Structure formats: C-alpha cells, structure tokens
Amino acid sequence: MSRTRWVQPPQAQDSPTKSVPVLPALEVVYLTDPDLLAEVLPPPLTPPAAPRVHVRITDIDLTFGEYRHKELVGYFAVDAEHEGRPGEYPLLIPIDLEAAVAISRERFGEPKKLADLELTRDGDRVTGRITRHGVTFVEIDGHVVEKLPTPEPYPARQFWFKFLPAVSGSGFDAGPLLVRMEQVRKPESVERVDGKLVLRDLPDCPVVDLPVREIVSIQWVRRASDNTTEVVGPVDPEAFAPFAAARY
C-alpha cells in the first residue's frame, strides 16, 4: 500500500451522470440561421431539419448524508444528426465547479469551461446568467405565466468529441472520438416563461455567432434523467481539427 496519496489503486467508476435526480432548470429554445448552425457542426454530424439552439442553466443541489454537493451548470447546444439519428451537440457547457471540468473533458469529451453562473426564482420571477472574464454573455429573464402539461418520459441524445491536442502543437496525440450519450428525460413539471434571452459577445464563448431569429420557448422545468454513454468510434482528425480550438 502506498504511503502517500499520490498513488492510489485503480477503481472502476460509474458515470456521475448515469442517473440524475429531479433538478430545476431555466431553458430557452430558439431558431438561428441554418447556414451558421451547419458551419459549427464537426463531421460526421450533419445539419438538422430545424436550426434549433438550446440554452439552459441547471441548479444541482444535492445532499448525501452530511455531505452537500452544489454546482450550477450551463448548456449551449445546437440540434444535429448522426447517421439519421437526431440529437444535440453542445458547443459549450459552462460550470462553476472546478473539479468537474477536467474529468468531464478527459473522460467524456464534454466541452466544459469555468464560469460564474446564477439561477434564481423569486415567486414567478426567474433569472439566469452566465458570466466569464467579467462578461455576462448569456442572460435569461422573465416571469412564469402558466403551468404546462407534464410530458411523459422521452428519449434524447447528445454528441461529444473526446481528444487530446498534440504535444507538437498540430493535430492530435489521441482521438478524436465521437461519444454519444443516450438519455431518457423524465419531467416532473414544466412552466411557461414570458421573458427574453440576451446574448453578448465573448471571444472564447462566441454565442452571438448563432443569432436569435425566433424564440421557440422559454420554460422553467423540473426534470430527472437516466443516461448511458458510449464511444461511437474515431472521426477524421483533419476534418475535426478546425473545431478543436473553440473547445479550449
């Protein structure tokens, strides 16, 4: 047995997102320019039928005995397809928990970046903000106006890319690999929000490059999910190379 904590025996680990309990989130879906959406999709992902963008802030506040786990996580994703199967391709997953960044990138390929996040509900007033380098580049503000019918559990899908940039500075030392997460989303409640989404420019999080053409929905939701993640296989490194820099 090691006498220091630098050496520890390997242990199998379940995915931390395998089963997610009911959590509150403020979500916006909007339509953008279809040509711009198509431009941000790395092969082998292909454009969807409708150019939808998903913006979400989720409050994760869980208690395990005396231990409390607290984090806020954002989500900025576009609709995409792979071999005819629809899903969502996140361009950015901002999070305020440093410990979650490295393991999410290295193990799963999730595009996580540190940010300051806010999510509040005061009566019917709801607000969400994502800030990085002093710029609040995502802001959602509004009022809950009605309760909507709660959907039955439904399938969803996410696509991630896992890779290691090359030591030489060009290309990759490992990957890229396409990773797919299959979800079953299980809503507990859904409420319609009358509000607005504001996107502001930030060079390393260029959300404004996918402008809002039409708001489809703004909702306050409480939802659980079951998730299964797997590696689909390798992708063309030369084709993926132009999409790698934005992940960092």
Protein backbone atom coordinates (compact mmCIF):
# COMPACT_ATOMS: atom_id res chain seq x y z
CA MET A 1 0.00 0.00 0.00
CA SER A 2 1.30 3.44 -0.90
CA ARG A 3 2.40 5.68 1.97
CA THR A 4 1.39 8.81 0.03
CA ARG A 5 -1.85 9.90 -1.55
CA TRP A 6 -0.15 10.37 -4.92
CA VAL A 7 -0.52 6.65 -5.66
CA GLN A 8 -3.93 5.01 -5.37
CA PRO A 9 -5.22 1.69 -6.68
CA PRO A 10 -7.40 1.98 -9.80
CA GLN A 11 -11.11 1.87 -9.13
CA ALA A 12 -13.96 1.38 -11.56
CA GLN A 13 -16.21 4.43 -11.67
CA ASP A 14 -19.79 4.76 -12.81
CA SER A 15 -20.62 7.78 -14.86
CA PRO A 16 -21.58 10.63 -12.50
CA THR A 17 -24.44 11.40 -14.86
CA LYS A 18 -25.81 7.84 -15.07
CA SER A 19 -28.92 8.70 -13.07
CA VAL A 20 -29.74 12.33 -12.37
CA PRO A 21 -32.46 13.21 -9.81
CA VAL A 22 -35.08 15.89 -10.35
CA LEU A 23 -33.39 19.27 -10.79
CA PRO A 24 -34.71 22.75 -11.63
CA ALA A 25 -33.59 24.45 -14.83
CA LEU A 26 -34.35 27.53 -16.89
CA GLU A 27 -34.37 26.64 -20.59
CA VAL A 28 -34.62 28.55 -23.84
CA VAL A 29 -35.00 27.11 -27.32
CA TYR A 30 -34.56 29.42 -30.29
CA LEU A 31 -34.13 29.25 -34.05
CA THR A 32 -30.97 30.59 -35.67
CA ASP A 33 -29.55 30.94 -39.18
CA PRO A 34 -29.42 27.42 -40.69
CA ASP A 35 -26.20 28.08 -42.61
CA LEU A 36 -24.42 29.29 -39.46
CA LEU A 37 -25.63 26.29 -37.48
CA ALA A 38 -24.38 23.94 -40.21
CA GLU A 39 -20.96 25.62 -40.06
CA VAL A 40 -20.40 24.75 -36.38
CA LEU A 41 -21.06 21.01 -36.81
CA PRO A 42 -17.92 18.83 -36.99
CA PRO A 43 -18.14 15.87 -39.36
CA PRO A 44 -19.66 13.32 -39.18
CA LEU A 45 -22.51 15.38 -37.64
CA THR A 46 -24.94 16.81 -40.18
CA PRO A 47 -27.45 19.68 -40.04
CA PRO A 48 -30.92 19.05 -38.58
CA ALA A 49 -34.27 19.77 -40.18
CA ALA A 50 -34.79 22.86 -38.00
CA PRO A 51 -31.90 25.14 -36.83
CA ARG A 52 -32.65 24.94 -33.10
CA VAL A 53 -30.34 26.19 -30.36
CA HIS A 54 -30.74 25.14 -26.70
CA VAL A 55 -29.70 27.39 -23.79
CA ARG A 56 -30.05 26.05 -20.27
CA ILE A 57 -28.94 26.74 -16.69
CA THR A 58 -29.44 23.96 -14.14
CA ASP A 59 -29.14 24.11 -10.36
CA ILE A 60 -27.59 20.95 -8.91
CA ASP A 61 -28.00 20.98 -5.13
CA LEU A 62 -27.87 17.50 -3.57
CA THR A 63 -27.36 16.17 -0.06
CA PHE A 64 -25.76 12.80 0.72
CA GLY A 65 -25.93 12.33 4.49
CA GLU A 66 -23.87 15.21 5.88
CA TYR A 67 -22.29 15.98 2.51
CA ARG A 68 -23.78 18.69 0.27
CA HIS A 69 -22.94 18.82 -3.44
CA LYS A 70 -23.67 22.18 -5.04
CA GLU A 71 -22.97 23.38 -8.58
CA LEU A 72 -24.56 25.38 -11.35
CA VAL A 73 -24.09 24.19 -14.90
CA GLY A 74 -24.99 25.83 -18.19
CA TYR A 75 -25.58 24.40 -21.64
CA PHE A 76 -25.36 25.92 -25.11
CA ALA A 77 -26.10 23.36 -27.81
CA VAL A 78 -27.38 23.03 -31.34
CA ASP A 79 -29.51 20.34 -32.91
CA ALA A 80 -27.57 17.87 -35.06
CA GLU A 81 -27.88 14.45 -36.66
CA HIS A 82 -25.58 11.46 -36.96
CA GLU A 83 -26.43 8.73 -39.44
CA GLY A 84 -30.01 9.95 -39.45
CA ARG A 85 -30.33 9.93 -35.64
CA PRO A 86 -31.24 13.33 -34.15
CA GLY A 87 -29.54 14.75 -31.10
CA GLU A 88 -27.94 17.83 -29.55
CA TYR A 89 -24.32 18.91 -29.97
CA PRO A 90 -23.17 21.13 -27.07
CA LEU A 91 -20.72 23.82 -28.10
CA LEU A 92 -20.24 24.93 -24.52
CA ILE A 93 -21.04 23.61 -21.04
CA PRO A 94 -20.08 26.35 -18.55
CA ILE A 95 -19.84 25.24 -14.94
CA ASP A 96 -18.83 26.79 -11.62
CA LEU A 97 -17.22 23.66 -10.13
CA GLU A 98 -13.51 23.33 -10.96
CA ALA A 99 -13.37 19.64 -10.03
CA ALA A 100 -15.90 18.79 -12.74
CA VAL A 101 -14.02 20.38 -15.64
CA ALA A 102 -11.05 18.04 -16.13
CA ILE A 103 -12.82 14.72 -15.61
CA SER A 104 -15.67 15.77 -17.91
CA ARG A 105 -13.26 16.74 -20.69
CA GLU A 106 -10.82 13.85 -20.34
CA ARG A 107 -13.27 11.01 -19.78
CA PHE A 108 -16.29 12.08 -21.80
CA GLY A 109 -15.25 14.91 -24.12
CA GLU A 110 -17.78 17.37 -22.68
CA PRO A 111 -16.82 20.98 -23.59
CA LYS A 112 -16.81 22.34 -20.04
CA LYS A 113 -15.35 25.72 -19.08
CA LEU A 114 -15.28 27.51 -15.74
CA ALA A 115 -17.77 30.37 -15.40
CA ASP A 116 -19.84 32.22 -12.84
CA LEU A 117 -23.48 31.19 -13.03
CA GLU A 118 -26.68 32.42 -11.41
CA LEU A 119 -30.14 30.87 -11.33
CA THR A 120 -32.85 32.38 -9.15
CA ARG A 121 -36.58 32.12 -8.75
CA ASP A 122 -38.44 34.61 -6.59
CA GLY A 123 -42.14 33.85 -6.81
CA ASP A 124 -42.86 33.96 -10.53
CA ARG A 125 -39.73 35.96 -11.41
CA VAL A 126 -36.91 33.84 -12.88
CA THR A 127 -33.40 34.89 -13.84
CA GLY A 128 -30.37 33.07 -15.18
CA ARG A 129 -26.93 34.45 -16.02
CA ILE A 130 -23.63 33.02 -17.26
CA THR A 131 -20.53 35.21 -16.82
CA ARG A 132 -16.92 34.65 -17.83
CA HIS A 133 -14.00 37.10 -17.85
CA GLY A 134 -16.36 39.74 -16.48
CA VAL A 135 -18.79 39.43 -19.40
CA THR A 136 -22.34 38.18 -18.81
CA PHE A 137 -22.62 36.55 -22.22
CA VAL A 138 -25.91 34.72 -21.54
CA GLU A 139 -28.83 36.29 -19.67
CA ILE A 140 -32.37 34.94 -19.33
CA ASP A 141 -35.02 36.99 -17.57
CA GLY A 142 -38.78 36.63 -17.28
CA HIS A 143 -41.89 35.63 -15.34
CA VAL A 144 -43.60 32.25 -15.05
CA VAL A 145 -47.05 32.72 -16.58
CA GLU A 146 -48.64 29.27 -16.71
CA LYS A 147 -48.18 25.62 -15.86
CA LEU A 148 -47.95 23.36 -18.90
CA PRO A 149 -48.92 19.69 -19.21
CA THR A 150 -46.13 17.43 -17.97
CA PRO A 151 -44.76 15.29 -20.81
CA GLU A 152 -44.23 11.58 -20.47
CA PRO A 153 -40.59 10.44 -20.27
CA TYR A 154 -38.96 10.83 -23.67
CA PRO A 155 -35.66 9.91 -25.34
CA ALA A 156 -32.95 12.43 -26.13
CA ARG A 157 -29.34 12.26 -27.28
CA GLN A 158 -26.09 14.25 -27.03
CA PHE A 159 -22.94 14.10 -29.16
CA TRP A 160 -19.49 14.90 -27.69
CA PHE A 161 -15.94 14.70 -29.06
CA LYS A 162 -13.08 13.30 -26.98
CA PHE A 163 -9.49 14.12 -27.98
CA LEU A 164 -6.01 15.15 -26.83
CA PRO A 165 -4.27 18.03 -28.65
CA ALA A 166 -0.82 17.05 -29.91
CA VAL A 167 2.32 17.98 -27.98
CA SER A 168 3.77 19.21 -31.27
CA GLY A 169 1.02 21.83 -31.49
CA SER A 170 -0.54 20.41 -34.65
CA GLY A 171 -3.16 17.68 -34.76
CA PHE A 172 -3.90 15.18 -32.01
CA ASP A 173 -1.96 12.71 -29.89
CA ALA A 174 -5.17 10.76 -29.24
CA GLY A 175 -8.58 10.77 -30.88
CA PRO A 176 -10.73 12.43 -31.83
CA LEU A 177 -13.51 10.05 -30.90
CA LEU A 178 -17.24 10.60 -31.26
CA VAL A 179 -19.06 9.96 -27.97
CA ARG A 180 -22.81 9.55 -27.75
CA MET A 181 -24.99 9.87 -24.66
CA GLU A 182 -28.44 8.32 -24.83
CA GLN A 183 -30.90 9.86 -22.39
CA VAL A 184 -34.36 9.28 -21.05
CA ARG A 185 -35.60 12.64 -19.80
CA LYS A 186 -38.30 12.43 -17.12
CA PRO A 187 -40.08 15.75 -16.49
CA GLU A 188 -41.76 16.39 -13.16
CA SER A 189 -43.17 19.81 -14.05
CA VAL A 190 -42.99 22.36 -16.88
CA GLU A 191 -43.94 26.04 -16.68
CA ARG A 192 -44.02 28.58 -19.48
CA VAL A 193 -41.97 31.74 -19.01
CA ASP A 194 -42.72 35.07 -20.65
CA GLY A 195 -39.28 36.59 -20.95
CA LYS A 196 -36.21 37.34 -23.02
CA LEU A 197 -32.82 35.90 -23.89
CA VAL A 198 -29.83 38.23 -24.27
CA LEU A 199 -26.58 37.01 -25.84
CA ARG A 200 -23.42 39.13 -25.57
CA ASP A 201 -20.09 38.82 -27.32
CA LEU A 202 -17.22 36.95 -25.67
CA PRO A 203 -14.43 35.72 -27.98
CA ASP A 204 -13.85 32.35 -26.32
CA CYS A 205 -17.60 31.71 -25.95
CA PRO A 206 -18.97 33.19 -29.20
CA VAL A 207 -22.65 32.53 -28.58
CA VAL A 208 -23.57 35.65 -30.59
CA ASP A 209 -22.30 33.91 -33.74
CA LEU A 210 -25.57 31.94 -33.63
CA PRO A 211 -28.03 34.87 -33.54
CA VAL A 212 -31.59 34.61 -32.29
CA ARG A 213 -34.02 34.56 -35.20
CA GLU A 214 -37.09 33.37 -33.27
CA ILE A 215 -37.75 32.27 -29.69
CA VAL A 216 -39.45 28.88 -29.70
CA SER A 217 -39.91 28.53 -25.92
CA ILE A 218 -38.72 29.68 -22.52
CA GLN A 219 -39.54 27.28 -19.70
CA TRP A 220 -38.86 26.61 -16.05
CA VAL A 221 -38.62 22.83 -15.76
CA ARG A 222 -38.01 20.25 -13.07
CA ARG A 223 -36.67 17.06 -14.61
CA ALA A 224 -34.70 13.88 -13.93
CA SER A 225 -32.84 11.75 -16.46
CA ASP A 226 -31.22 8.37 -16.99
CA ASN A 227 -28.12 8.41 -19.18
CA THR A 228 -25.95 5.87 -20.98
CA THR A 229 -22.67 6.97 -22.58
CA GLU A 230 -20.58 5.14 -25.17
CA VAL A 231 -17.81 5.73 -27.68
CA VAL A 232 -19.18 5.54 -31.21
CA GLY A 233 -15.76 5.45 -32.88
CA PRO A 234 -12.95 7.55 -34.37
CA VAL A 235 -13.57 10.55 -36.60
CA ASP A 236 -11.39 12.12 -39.29
CA PRO A 237 -8.74 14.17 -37.41
CA GLU A 238 -8.13 16.56 -40.30
CA ALA A 239 -11.85 17.25 -40.67
CA PHE A 240 -12.25 17.79 -36.93
CA ALA A 241 -9.13 19.98 -36.44
CA PRO A 242 -10.87 23.34 -37.21
CA PHE A 243 -13.42 22.65 -34.47
CA ALA A 244 -10.96 21.81 -31.68
CA ALA A 245 -9.64 25.24 -30.69
CA ALA A 246 -13.04 26.60 -29.59
CA ARG A 247 -13.30 23.82 -27.01
CA TYR A 248 -10.44 25.45 -25.08
